[in-house]
Amino acid sequence: MATSFVVTAEPRADQGKGASRRLRRAGKVPAVLYGGKGETEMISLSHNEMSKHVQQEAFFAHILTLNLGGNAQQVVIKDLQRHPVNESIIHADFLRVLADVAIRMQVPLHFKGGEVAPGVKVGGGVIEHHMSQVEVECLPKDLPEFIEVDLSKLELNESIHLSKLPIPAGVGLVDLRLGKDASVAAVHIPRAVVEEVVPTAEVAAAEVPATAQKAPDAAAAGAEGAKPEAGKKEEKKEEKKK
């Protein structure tokens, strides 16, 4: 891993919501450092410095150097909280790492070759990404920055599972160790919405109110019933003339 990150921190004594708000107003980020062989420590960071770091994906899958009061420690970032509206960083958690102790981290997946996959180029399918990152377990020195996923050979209705990923030596996938060989990406035909075609006569009848639909039937019945009565009156008139 060629990229390196150095985070400068200061110890903080004040705790609580009020103290955290004062830190944020001063351009600081309240944070916690824990794990390893040290005690849990309350620290604060520069918001500007952290904002620059978190813009890089690699920051979240790297061993970081935390400079705390002149003491450099190897850490990883385990949690980052942002403001729900303005996306500012409001809290961070750092975990100390030891060279001989395995750690678990989320590592991003980098996909390539999807546009030339036979299932897309010839079969007319689309790539469906089922995961964007995977949890790995390894020693700090073996932590990969990302895992590359080659989709260039995927045929229509084929998928790539965790067991097919090119995992570096010394790195294990947590899900595989738990017996979960989930799909990472697949090629499928896009789902089309099929609309049922309703005959025009049925549509017209459905748009007419029920009362209006019954009225013509009743009128027709009445008219049909009136015809025999009119016929009887005509017959009586003919008899009188005779």
C-alpha atoms as a PDB file:
ATOM      1  CA  MET A   1       0.000   0.000   0.000  1.00  0.00           C
ATOM      2  CA  ALA A   2       1.861   3.051  -1.271  1.00  0.00           C
ATOM      3  CA  THR A   3      -0.582   5.602   0.109  1.00  0.00           C
ATOM      4  CA  SER A   4      -0.074   6.701   3.711  1.00  0.00           C
ATOM      5  CA  PHE A   5      -2.255   8.802   5.966  1.00  0.00           C
ATOM      6  CA  VAL A   6      -1.221  10.737   9.058  1.00  0.00           C
ATOM      7  CA  VAL A   7      -3.911  12.044  11.397  1.00  0.00           C
ATOM      8  CA  THR A   8      -2.991  14.600  14.046  1.00  0.00           C
ATOM      9  CA  ALA A   9      -4.944  14.386  17.304  1.00  0.00           C
ATOM     10  CA  GLU A  10      -5.032  16.067  20.694  1.00  0.00           C
ATOM     11  CA  PRO A  11      -6.197  14.640  24.026  1.00  0.00           C
ATOM     12  CA  ARG A  12      -9.421  16.098  25.397  1.00  0.00           C
ATOM     13  CA  ALA A  13     -10.556  16.138  28.988  1.00  0.00           C
ATOM     14  CA  ASP A  14     -14.083  17.493  28.675  1.00  0.00           C
ATOM     15  CA  GLN A  15     -16.806  15.008  27.807  1.00  0.00           C
ATOM     16  CA  GLY A  16     -20.526  15.167  27.164  1.00  0.00           C
ATOM     17  CA  LYS A  17     -22.755  16.757  24.568  1.00  0.00           C
ATOM     18  CA  GLY A  18     -21.950  20.299  25.628  1.00  0.00           C
ATOM     19  CA  ALA A  19     -18.204  19.744  25.341  1.00  0.00           C
ATOM     20  CA  SER A  20     -18.622  18.091  21.948  1.00  0.00           C
ATOM     21  CA  ARG A  21     -20.672  21.035  20.666  1.00  0.00           C
ATOM     22  CA  ARG A  22     -17.960  23.468  21.796  1.00  0.00           C
ATOM     23  CA  LEU A  23     -15.320  21.424  19.985  1.00  0.00           C
ATOM     24  CA  ARG A  24     -17.335  21.411  16.760  1.00  0.00           C
ATOM     25  CA  ARG A  25     -17.848  25.167  16.929  1.00  0.00           C
ATOM     26  CA  ALA A  26     -14.054  25.494  17.206  1.00  0.00           C
ATOM     27  CA  GLY A  27     -13.532  23.417  14.048  1.00  0.00           C
ATOM     28  CA  LYS A  28     -12.670  20.202  15.897  1.00  0.00           C
ATOM     29  CA  VAL A  29     -14.062  16.664  15.708  1.00  0.00           C
ATOM     30  CA  PRO A  30     -14.553  14.717  18.954  1.00  0.00           C
ATOM     31  CA  ALA A  31     -13.212  11.175  18.653  1.00  0.00           C
ATOM     32  CA  VAL A  32     -12.377   8.030  20.621  1.00  0.00           C
ATOM     33  CA  LEU A  33      -9.255   5.867  20.482  1.00  0.00           C
ATOM     34  CA  TYR A  34      -9.490   2.329  21.854  1.00  0.00           C
ATOM     35  CA  GLY A  35      -8.237  -1.243  21.503  1.00  0.00           C
ATOM     36  CA  GLY A  36      -4.770  -2.720  21.338  1.00  0.00           C
ATOM     37  CA  LYS A  37      -2.886  -2.675  24.632  1.00  0.00           C
ATOM     38  CA  GLY A  38      -3.798   0.881  25.578  1.00  0.00           C
ATOM     39  CA  GLU A  39      -6.645   2.456  27.499  1.00  0.00           C
ATOM     40  CA  THR A  40      -9.594   4.136  25.829  1.00  0.00           C
ATOM     41  CA  GLU A  41      -8.737   7.782  25.193  1.00  0.00           C
ATOM     42  CA  MET A  42     -10.878  10.777  24.332  1.00  0.00           C
ATOM     43  CA  ILE A  43      -9.275  12.811  21.557  1.00  0.00           C
ATOM     44  CA  SER A  44     -10.076  15.614  19.129  1.00  0.00           C
ATOM     45  CA  LEU A  45      -9.102  16.133  15.495  1.00  0.00           C
ATOM     46  CA  SER A  46      -9.005  18.958  12.985  1.00  0.00           C
ATOM     47  CA  HIS A  47     -12.203  18.970  10.945  1.00  0.00           C
ATOM     48  CA  ASN A  48     -10.428  20.410   7.911  1.00  0.00           C
ATOM     49  CA  GLU A  49      -7.780  17.708   7.981  1.00  0.00           C
ATOM     50  CA  MET A  50     -10.358  14.926   8.383  1.00  0.00           C
ATOM     51  CA  SER A  51     -12.505  16.340   5.577  1.00  0.00           C
ATOM     52  CA  LYS A  52      -9.556  16.034   3.185  1.00  0.00           C
ATOM     53  CA  HIS A  53      -8.771  12.489   4.309  1.00  0.00           C
ATOM     54  CA  VAL A  54     -12.307  11.095   4.017  1.00  0.00           C
ATOM     55  CA  GLN A  55     -12.620  12.263   0.421  1.00  0.00           C
ATOM     56  CA  GLN A  56     -10.255   9.417  -0.470  1.00  0.00           C
ATOM     57  CA  GLU A  57     -11.714   5.916  -0.503  1.00  0.00           C
ATOM     58  CA  ALA A  58      -8.374   4.432   0.531  1.00  0.00           C
ATOM     59  CA  PHE A  59      -8.547   6.208   3.886  1.00  0.00           C
ATOM     60  CA  PHE A  60     -11.155   3.701   5.088  1.00  0.00           C
ATOM     61  CA  ALA A  61      -9.121   0.599   4.192  1.00  0.00           C
ATOM     62  CA  HIS A  62      -5.650   1.645   5.309  1.00  0.00           C
ATOM     63  CA  ILE A  63      -3.519   1.400   8.391  1.00  0.00           C
ATOM     64  CA  LEU A  64      -3.342   5.028   9.554  1.00  0.00           C
ATOM     65  CA  THR A  65      -0.716   6.790  11.621  1.00  0.00           C
ATOM     66  CA  LEU A  66      -2.337   8.676  14.488  1.00  0.00           C
ATOM     67  CA  ASN A  67      -0.013  11.287  15.947  1.00  0.00           C
ATOM     68  CA  LEU A  68      -1.269  11.923  19.475  1.00  0.00           C
ATOM     69  CA  GLY A  69       0.829  14.302  21.517  1.00  0.00           C
ATOM     70  CA  GLY A  70       4.005  13.323  19.704  1.00  0.00           C
ATOM     71  CA  ASN A  71       3.265   9.608  20.075  1.00  0.00           C
ATOM     72  CA  ALA A  72       2.643   7.875  16.731  1.00  0.00           C
ATOM     73  CA  GLN A  73       0.267   4.907  16.832  1.00  0.00           C
ATOM     74  CA  GLN A  74      -0.995   2.559  14.128  1.00  0.00           C
ATOM     75  CA  VAL A  75      -4.794   2.659  13.881  1.00  0.00           C
ATOM     76  CA  VAL A  76      -7.732   2.044  11.568  1.00  0.00           C
ATOM     77  CA  ILE A  77     -10.922   4.046  11.433  1.00  0.00           C
ATOM     78  CA  LYS A  78     -13.868   1.983  12.646  1.00  0.00           C
ATOM     79  CA  ASP A  79     -16.702   4.488  12.585  1.00  0.00           C
ATOM     80  CA  LEU A  80     -17.413   7.924  11.182  1.00  0.00           C
ATOM     81  CA  GLN A  81     -20.555   9.909  11.914  1.00  0.00           C
ATOM     82  CA  ARG A  82     -21.779  12.798   9.784  1.00  0.00           C
ATOM     83  CA  HIS A  83     -24.371  15.497  10.286  1.00  0.00           C
ATOM     84  CA  PRO A  84     -27.605  14.397   8.543  1.00  0.00           C
ATOM     85  CA  VAL A  85     -28.063  17.750   6.795  1.00  0.00           C
ATOM     86  CA  ASN A  86     -24.705  19.359   6.010  1.00  0.00           C
ATOM     87  CA  GLU A  87     -22.597  16.152   5.956  1.00  0.00           C
ATOM     88  CA  SER A  88     -20.004  17.622   8.336  1.00  0.00           C
ATOM     89  CA  ILE A  89     -18.049  15.101  10.426  1.00  0.00           C
ATOM     90  CA  ILE A  90     -19.375  15.025  13.985  1.00  0.00           C
ATOM     91  CA  HIS A  91     -17.577  12.005  15.514  1.00  0.00           C
ATOM     92  CA  ALA A  92     -14.971   9.340  14.749  1.00  0.00           C
ATOM     93  CA  ASP A  93     -13.780   6.093  16.319  1.00  0.00           C
ATOM     94  CA  PHE A  94     -10.237   4.755  15.889  1.00  0.00           C
ATOM     95  CA  LEU A  95      -8.989   1.267  16.743  1.00  0.00           C
ATOM     96  CA  ARG A  96      -5.359   0.594  17.640  1.00  0.00           C
ATOM     97  CA  VAL A  97      -3.819  -2.264  15.679  1.00  0.00           C
ATOM     98  CA  LEU A  98      -1.030  -4.646  16.627  1.00  0.00           C
ATOM     99  CA  ALA A  99       1.277  -6.131  14.013  1.00  0.00           C
ATOM    100  CA  ASP A 100       0.641  -9.710  15.146  1.00  0.00           C
ATOM    101  CA  VAL A 101      -3.122  -9.495  15.747  1.00  0.00           C
ATOM    102  CA  ALA A 102      -5.621  -9.988  12.912  1.00  0.00           C
ATOM    103  CA  ILE A 103      -8.206  -7.292  12.285  1.00  0.00           C
ATOM    104  CA  ARG A 104     -11.538  -7.216  10.490  1.00  0.00           C
ATOM    105  CA  MET A 105     -12.204  -4.408   8.025  1.00  0.00           C
ATOM    106  CA  GLN A 106     -14.617  -3.516   5.239  1.00  0.00           C
ATOM    107  CA  VAL A 107     -12.746  -3.315   1.922  1.00  0.00           C
ATOM    108  CA  PRO A 108     -14.283  -1.744  -1.225  1.00  0.00           C
ATOM    109  CA  LEU A 109     -14.837  -3.713  -4.425  1.00  0.00           C
ATOM    110  CA  HIS A 110     -13.618  -2.264  -7.727  1.00  0.00           C
ATOM    111  CA  PHE A 111     -15.510  -3.618 -10.742  1.00  0.00           C
ATOM    112  CA  LYS A 112     -14.063  -3.721 -14.253  1.00  0.00           C
ATOM    113  CA  GLY A 113     -14.971  -5.183 -17.669  1.00  0.00           C
ATOM    114  CA  GLY A 114     -18.747  -4.949 -17.274  1.00  0.00           C
ATOM    115  CA  GLU A 115     -19.223  -3.084 -20.543  1.00  0.00           C
ATOM    116  CA  VAL A 116     -17.542  -5.847 -22.594  1.00  0.00           C
ATOM    117  CA  ALA A 117     -19.117  -8.835 -20.834  1.00  0.00           C
ATOM    118  CA  PRO A 118     -20.792 -11.139 -23.428  1.00  0.00           C
ATOM    119  CA  GLY A 119     -24.028 -11.081 -21.455  1.00  0.00           C
ATOM    120  CA  VAL A 120     -24.125  -7.297 -21.842  1.00  0.00           C
ATOM    121  CA  LYS A 121     -22.533  -6.711 -25.248  1.00  0.00           C
ATOM    122  CA  VAL A 122     -24.220  -9.618 -27.046  1.00  0.00           C
ATOM    123  CA  GLY A 123     -27.022 -10.795 -24.768  1.00  0.00           C
ATOM    124  CA  GLY A 124     -28.497  -7.348 -24.044  1.00  0.00           C
ATOM    125  CA  GLY A 125     -28.283  -7.771 -20.287  1.00  0.00           C
ATOM    126  CA  VAL A 126     -27.287  -5.319 -17.572  1.00  0.00           C
ATOM    127  CA  ILE A 127     -24.875  -5.650 -14.674  1.00  0.00           C
ATOM    128  CA  GLU A 128     -26.449  -5.901 -11.223  1.00  0.00           C
ATOM    129  CA  HIS A 129     -24.089  -5.100  -8.340  1.00  0.00           C
ATOM    130  CA  HIS A 130     -25.098  -6.960  -5.196  1.00  0.00           C
ATOM    131  CA  MET A 131     -22.201  -5.731  -3.027  1.00  0.00           C
ATOM    132  CA  SER A 132     -19.967  -2.680  -2.940  1.00  0.00           C
ATOM    133  CA  GLN A 133     -17.607  -3.892  -0.216  1.00  0.00           C
ATOM    134  CA  VAL A 134     -16.668  -7.058   1.659  1.00  0.00           C
ATOM    135  CA  GLU A 135     -15.461  -7.744   5.193  1.00  0.00           C
ATOM    136  CA  VAL A 136     -11.957  -9.212   5.351  1.00  0.00           C
ATOM    137  CA  GLU A 137      -9.849 -10.600   8.173  1.00  0.00           C
ATOM    138  CA  CYS A 138      -6.064 -10.386   8.069  1.00  0.00           C
ATOM    139  CA  LEU A 139      -2.951  -9.057   9.746  1.00  0.00           C
ATOM    140  CA  PRO A 140      -2.524  -5.283   9.419  1.00  0.00           C
ATOM    141  CA  LYS A 141       0.364  -5.666   6.934  1.00  0.00           C
ATOM    142  CA  ASP A 142      -1.850  -7.702   4.574  1.00  0.00           C
ATOM    143  CA  LEU A 143      -4.840  -5.352   4.518  1.00  0.00           C
ATOM    144  CA  PRO A 144      -5.753  -4.691   0.842  1.00  0.00           C
ATOM    145  CA  GLU A 145      -6.793  -1.237  -0.304  1.00  0.00           C
ATOM    146  CA  PHE A 146      -9.498  -2.788  -2.507  1.00  0.00           C
ATOM    147  CA  ILE A 147     -10.420  -6.059  -4.227  1.00  0.00           C
ATOM    148  CA  GLU A 148     -10.805  -6.057  -8.005  1.00  0.00           C
ATOM    149  CA  VAL A 149     -13.738  -7.894  -9.600  1.00  0.00           C
ATOM    150  CA  ASP A 150     -13.429  -8.787 -13.304  1.00  0.00           C
ATOM    151  CA  LEU A 151     -16.837  -8.982 -15.017  1.00  0.00           C
ATOM    152  CA  SER A 152     -15.561  -9.232 -18.599  1.00  0.00           C
ATOM    153  CA  LYS A 153     -16.387 -12.939 -19.039  1.00  0.00           C
ATOM    154  CA  LEU A 154     -19.902 -12.958 -17.585  1.00  0.00           C
ATOM    155  CA  GLU A 155     -22.555 -14.488 -19.831  1.00  0.00           C
ATOM    156  CA  LEU A 156     -26.273 -13.721 -19.565  1.00  0.00           C
ATOM    157  CA  ASN A 157     -27.768 -14.991 -16.265  1.00  0.00           C
ATOM    158  CA  GLU A 158     -24.318 -15.703 -14.845  1.00  0.00           C
ATOM    159  CA  SER A 159     -22.988 -14.297 -11.583  1.00  0.00           C
ATOM    160  CA  ILE A 160     -19.748 -13.973  -9.625  1.00  0.00           C
ATOM    161  CA  HIS A 161     -19.744 -15.209  -6.035  1.00  0.00           C
ATOM    162  CA  LEU A 162     -17.426 -14.450  -3.138  1.00  0.00           C
ATOM    163  CA  SER A 163     -15.576 -17.709  -3.673  1.00  0.00           C
ATOM    164  CA  LYS A 164     -14.485 -16.518  -7.150  1.00  0.00           C
ATOM    165  CA  LEU A 165     -12.903 -13.236  -6.011  1.00  0.00           C
ATOM    166  CA  PRO A 166      -9.105 -12.837  -6.327  1.00  0.00           C
ATOM    167  CA  ILE A 167      -8.280 -12.601  -2.638  1.00  0.00           C
ATOM    168  CA  PRO A 168      -4.650 -11.679  -1.774  1.00  0.00           C
ATOM    169  CA  ALA A 169      -2.503 -14.086   0.221  1.00  0.00           C
ATOM    170  CA  GLY A 170      -3.005 -13.837   3.946  1.00  0.00           C
ATOM    171  CA  VAL A 171      -6.512 -12.368   3.571  1.00  0.00           C
ATOM    172  CA  GLY A 172      -9.757 -14.179   4.319  1.00  0.00           C
ATOM    173  CA  LEU A 173     -13.377 -13.270   3.629  1.00  0.00           C
ATOM    174  CA  VAL A 174     -15.459 -13.352   6.787  1.00  0.00           C
ATOM    175  CA  ASP A 175     -18.653 -14.443   4.998  1.00  0.00           C
ATOM    176  CA  LEU A 176     -16.921 -17.405   3.357  1.00  0.00           C
ATOM    177  CA  ARG A 177     -15.634 -18.564   6.721  1.00  0.00           C
ATOM    178  CA  LEU A 178     -19.221 -18.425   7.939  1.00  0.00           C
ATOM    179  CA  GLY A 179     -20.365 -20.531   4.967  1.00  0.00           C
ATOM    180  CA  LYS A 180     -22.000 -17.657   3.062  1.00  0.00           C
ATOM    181  CA  ASP A 181     -20.941 -17.679  -0.593  1.00  0.00           C
ATOM    182  CA  ALA A 182     -23.131 -14.768  -1.687  1.00  0.00           C
ATOM    183  CA  SER A 183     -23.382 -13.279  -5.169  1.00  0.00           C
ATOM    184  CA  VAL A 184     -21.296 -10.158  -5.760  1.00  0.00           C
ATOM    185  CA  ALA A 185     -22.562  -9.215  -9.228  1.00  0.00           C
ATOM    186  CA  ALA A 186     -24.647 -10.744 -12.027  1.00  0.00           C
ATOM    187  CA  VAL A 187     -25.854 -10.146 -15.601  1.00  0.00           C
ATOM    188  CA  HIS A 188     -29.604 -10.215 -16.208  1.00  0.00           C
ATOM    189  CA  ILE A 189     -32.107  -8.995 -18.793  1.00  0.00           C
ATOM    190  CA  PRO A 190     -33.698  -5.724 -17.552  1.00  0.00           C
ATOM    191  CA  ARG A 191     -37.055  -6.251 -15.907  1.00  0.00           C
ATOM    192  CA  ALA A 192     -39.843  -4.943 -18.189  1.00  0.00           C
ATOM    193  CA  VAL A 193     -43.201  -3.764 -16.899  1.00  0.00           C
ATOM    194  CA  VAL A 194     -45.921  -5.589 -18.850  1.00  0.00           C
ATOM    195  CA  GLU A 195     -49.242  -3.756 -18.870  1.00  0.00           C
ATOM    196  CA  GLU A 196     -52.447  -5.748 -19.258  1.00  0.00           C
ATOM    197  CA  VAL A 197     -54.464  -4.652 -22.314  1.00  0.00           C
ATOM    198  CA  VAL A 198     -58.120  -4.112 -21.435  1.00  0.00           C
ATOM    199  CA  PRO A 199     -60.708  -4.214 -24.297  1.00  0.00           C
ATOM    200  CA  THR A 200     -62.104  -0.786 -25.219  1.00  0.00           C
ATOM    201  CA  ALA A 201     -65.707  -1.798 -24.462  1.00  0.00           C
ATOM    202  CA  GLU A 202     -64.735  -2.925 -20.947  1.00  0.00           C
ATOM    203  CA  VAL A 203     -62.822   0.299 -20.328  1.00  0.00           C
ATOM    204  CA  ALA A 204     -65.849   2.368 -21.453  1.00  0.00           C
ATOM    205  CA  ALA A 205     -68.187   0.367 -19.222  1.00  0.00           C
ATOM    206  CA  ALA A 206     -65.844   0.702 -16.271  1.00  0.00           C
ATOM    207  CA  GLU A 207     -65.795   4.496 -16.666  1.00  0.00           C
ATOM    208  CA  VAL A 208     -69.621   4.785 -16.568  1.00  0.00           C
ATOM    209  CA  PRO A 209     -71.234   4.969 -13.077  1.00  0.00           C
ATOM    210  CA  ALA A 210     -73.161   1.867 -12.026  1.00  0.00           C
ATOM    211  CA  THR A 211     -76.468   3.753 -11.786  1.00  0.00           C
ATOM    212  CA  ALA A 212     -76.041   5.120 -15.291  1.00  0.00           C
ATOM    213  CA  GLN A 213     -75.224   1.653 -16.565  1.00  0.00           C
ATOM    214  CA  LYS A 214     -78.493   0.210 -15.158  1.00  0.00           C
ATOM    215  CA  ALA A 215     -80.768   3.045 -16.256  1.00  0.00           C
ATOM    216  CA  PRO A 216     -80.851   2.199 -19.998  1.00  0.00           C
ATOM    217  CA  ASP A 217     -81.692  -1.415 -19.169  1.00  0.00           C
ATOM    218  CA  ALA A 218     -84.644  -0.329 -17.028  1.00  0.00           C
ATOM    219  CA  ALA A 219     -85.879   2.096 -19.693  1.00  0.00           C
ATOM    220  CA  ALA A 220     -85.612  -0.569 -22.316  1.00  0.00           C
ATOM    221  CA  ALA A 221     -87.547  -2.976 -20.128  1.00  0.00           C
ATOM    222  CA  GLY A 222     -90.229  -0.350 -19.581  1.00  0.00           C
ATOM    223  CA  ALA A 223     -90.504   0.347 -23.260  1.00  0.00           C
ATOM    224  CA  GLU A 224     -90.793  -3.318 -24.041  1.00  0.00           C
ATOM    225  CA  GLY A 225     -93.481  -3.670 -21.370  1.00  0.00           C
ATOM    226  CA  ALA A 226     -95.443  -0.741 -22.796  1.00  0.00           C
ATOM    227  CA  LYS A 227     -95.710  -2.165 -26.267  1.00  0.00           C
ATOM    228  CA  PRO A 228     -98.155  -5.003 -25.363  1.00  0.00           C
ATOM    229  CA  GLU A 229    -100.459  -2.521 -23.547  1.00  0.00           C
ATOM    230  CA  ALA A 230    -100.578  -0.249 -26.575  1.00  0.00           C
ATOM    231  CA  GLY A 231    -101.398  -3.236 -28.725  1.00  0.00           C
ATOM    232  CA  LYS A 232    -104.375  -4.192 -26.523  1.00  0.00           C
ATOM    233  CA  LYS A 233    -105.843  -0.649 -26.744  1.00  0.00           C
ATOM    234  CA  GLU A 234    -105.641  -0.712 -30.540  1.00  0.00           C
ATOM    235  CA  GLU A 235    -107.442  -4.076 -30.613  1.00  0.00           C
ATOM    236  CA  LYS A 236    -110.314  -2.657 -28.446  1.00  0.00           C
ATOM    237  CA  LYS A 237    -110.719   0.323 -30.785  1.00  0.00           C
ATOM    238  CA  GLU A 238    -111.022  -2.006 -33.789  1.00  0.00           C
ATOM    239  CA  GLU A 239    -113.736  -4.066 -32.021  1.00  0.00           C
ATOM    240  CA  LYS A 240    -115.849  -0.981 -31.266  1.00  0.00           C
ATOM    241  CA  LYS A 241    -115.694   0.146 -34.889  1.00  0.00           C
ATOM    242  CA  LYS A 242    -116.942  -3.227 -35.957  1.00  0.00           C
END
